[in-house]
Amino acid sequence: MPNCNNRGCNWKCCVVIGESIDDVAQSATHYGCGSWDGKAIPESEDLDPVLGRKNAKWMLSVMRSCCAIIDIQLEPGRLVRSPYYALEKELIAANNYGCVTVANRIPPFAILALPKKCGT
């Protein structure tokens, strides 16, 4: 993983992560960011191995590019927690990735915390 400290967070390639693909898509549109390929992943407690690998590969490429990540967090009231969102959070933590911003779920759109430079 490159050290993004010198370049800072790249807002030109920002992405949105969260538990609900519908909320992620709406937030990505609002913030002018990308997201996982936009396909809804079936709600399940189990991580599909193929989709899990694709999701991990995507998240690692986001971090290699020092992209800013907007995290809209857990979906309130969801009965089954998303293993894909958990995987994204684990990869972020394991790589000590600093370009993460926490935002409200939509609406209202509001960034709650600005990221530090990557790697700090």
Protein backbone atom coordinates (compact mmCIF):
# COMPACT_ATOMS: atom_id res chain seq x y z
CA MET A 1 0.00 0.00 0.00
CA PRO A 2 1.53 3.35 -0.95
CA ASN A 3 2.03 6.01 1.65
CA CYS A 4 -0.45 8.72 0.66
CA ASN A 5 1.01 11.11 3.24
CA ASN A 6 2.81 13.25 0.69
CA ARG A 7 -0.11 13.53 -1.73
CA GLY A 8 -2.99 13.64 0.72
CA CYS A 9 -6.44 12.27 0.00
CA ASN A 10 -7.56 12.22 -3.61
CA TRP A 11 -11.07 13.68 -3.71
CA LYS A 12 -11.19 13.25 -7.50
CA CYS A 13 -11.64 9.52 -7.02
CA CYS A 14 -13.74 9.52 -3.85
CA VAL A 15 -16.02 6.56 -3.13
CA VAL A 16 -18.89 5.95 -0.74
CA ILE A 17 -19.22 2.83 1.42
CA GLY A 18 -22.01 1.76 3.74
CA GLU A 19 -24.37 -1.05 4.46
CA SER A 20 -27.28 -0.25 2.12
CA ILE A 21 -26.45 -0.16 -1.60
CA ASP A 22 -29.45 2.14 -2.21
CA ASP A 23 -28.23 4.69 0.35
CA VAL A 24 -24.65 4.31 -0.94
CA ALA A 25 -25.80 5.02 -4.50
CA GLN A 26 -27.81 8.11 -3.44
CA SER A 27 -24.93 9.42 -1.34
CA ALA A 28 -22.41 8.77 -4.13
CA THR A 29 -24.57 10.78 -6.52
CA HIS A 30 -24.93 13.61 -4.00
CA TYR A 31 -21.21 13.83 -3.23
CA GLY A 32 -20.11 13.24 -6.84
CA CYS A 33 -18.29 10.04 -5.89
CA GLY A 34 -18.20 6.46 -7.07
CA SER A 35 -19.17 3.31 -5.22
CA TRP A 36 -19.00 -0.48 -5.54
CA ASP A 37 -20.29 -1.40 -9.00
CA GLY A 38 -23.84 -0.50 -7.97
CA LYS A 39 -25.24 -4.02 -8.02
CA ALA A 40 -27.20 -4.94 -4.96
CA ILE A 41 -25.64 -7.79 -3.03
CA PRO A 42 -28.19 -10.23 -1.60
CA GLU A 43 -28.70 -9.68 2.12
CA SER A 44 -26.99 -12.56 3.86
CA GLU A 45 -24.87 -13.23 6.89
CA ASP A 46 -22.46 -15.19 4.68
CA LEU A 47 -19.79 -13.69 2.46
CA ASP A 48 -19.93 -15.10 -1.08
CA PRO A 49 -16.30 -16.03 -1.85
CA VAL A 50 -16.34 -14.67 -5.42
CA LEU A 51 -18.09 -11.41 -4.54
CA GLY A 52 -15.92 -11.08 -1.44
CA ARG A 53 -12.72 -11.31 -3.51
CA LYS A 54 -14.05 -8.77 -6.04
CA ASN A 55 -15.09 -6.41 -3.25
CA ALA A 56 -11.69 -6.74 -1.52
CA LYS A 57 -9.86 -6.17 -4.81
CA TRP A 58 -11.94 -3.02 -5.45
CA MET A 59 -11.37 -1.65 -1.92
CA LEU A 60 -7.60 -2.27 -2.14
CA SER A 61 -7.46 -0.45 -5.49
CA VAL A 62 -9.34 2.48 -3.92
CA MET A 63 -6.75 2.66 -1.15
CA ARG A 64 -3.77 2.23 -3.53
CA SER A 65 -5.04 5.32 -5.39
CA CYS A 66 -5.34 7.31 -2.13
CA CYS A 67 -9.02 7.86 -2.89
CA ALA A 68 -11.08 9.60 -0.24
CA ILE A 69 -13.69 7.27 1.27
CA ILE A 70 -17.00 8.58 2.60
CA ASP A 71 -18.43 6.08 5.09
CA ILE A 72 -22.18 6.38 5.66
CA GLN A 73 -21.95 3.55 8.19
CA LEU A 74 -24.51 0.99 9.32
CA GLU A 75 -28.10 0.89 8.11
CA PRO A 76 -30.38 1.51 11.12
CA GLY A 77 -32.84 -1.30 11.79
CA ARG A 78 -31.13 -3.77 9.47
CA LEU A 79 -31.64 -7.29 10.77
CA VAL A 80 -28.66 -8.90 9.03
CA ARG A 81 -25.35 -7.02 9.04
CA SER A 82 -23.53 -6.85 5.70
CA PRO A 83 -20.40 -9.02 5.58
CA TYR A 84 -19.24 -6.97 2.56
CA TYR A 85 -19.36 -3.69 4.46
CA ALA A 86 -17.59 -5.45 7.35
CA LEU A 87 -14.90 -6.63 4.91
CA GLU A 88 -14.39 -3.06 3.64
CA LYS A 89 -14.06 -1.77 7.21
CA GLU A 90 -11.59 -4.56 8.07
CA LEU A 91 -9.40 -3.72 5.06
CA ILE A 92 -9.44 -0.03 5.97
CA ALA A 93 -8.42 -0.82 9.56
CA ALA A 94 -5.80 -3.42 8.57
CA ASN A 95 -4.13 -0.91 6.25
CA ASN A 96 -4.41 1.97 8.75
CA TYR A 97 -5.99 3.95 5.93
CA GLY A 98 -6.49 7.57 6.90
CA CYS A 99 -8.54 8.95 3.99
CA VAL A 100 -11.91 8.10 5.50
CA THR A 101 -14.65 10.63 6.21
CA VAL A 102 -17.75 9.78 8.21
CA ALA A 103 -21.00 11.17 6.83
CA ASN A 104 -24.68 11.10 7.74
CA ARG A 105 -26.89 8.67 5.92
CA ILE A 106 -29.09 10.47 3.45
CA PRO A 107 -30.92 12.77 4.12
CA PRO A 108 -29.54 15.03 5.39
CA PHE A 109 -26.21 14.96 3.61
CA ALA A 110 -23.60 16.24 6.02
CA ILE A 111 -19.97 15.33 6.40
CA LEU A 112 -19.28 14.77 10.09
CA ALA A 113 -15.50 14.57 10.10
CA LEU A 114 -12.89 15.56 7.55
CA PRO A 115 -10.15 13.02 6.87
CA LYS A 116 -6.55 13.49 7.87
CA LYS A 117 -3.91 12.99 5.22
CA CYS A 118 -3.59 9.36 4.20
CA GLY A 119 -1.31 7.40 6.44
CA THR A 120 -1.66 9.71 9.45
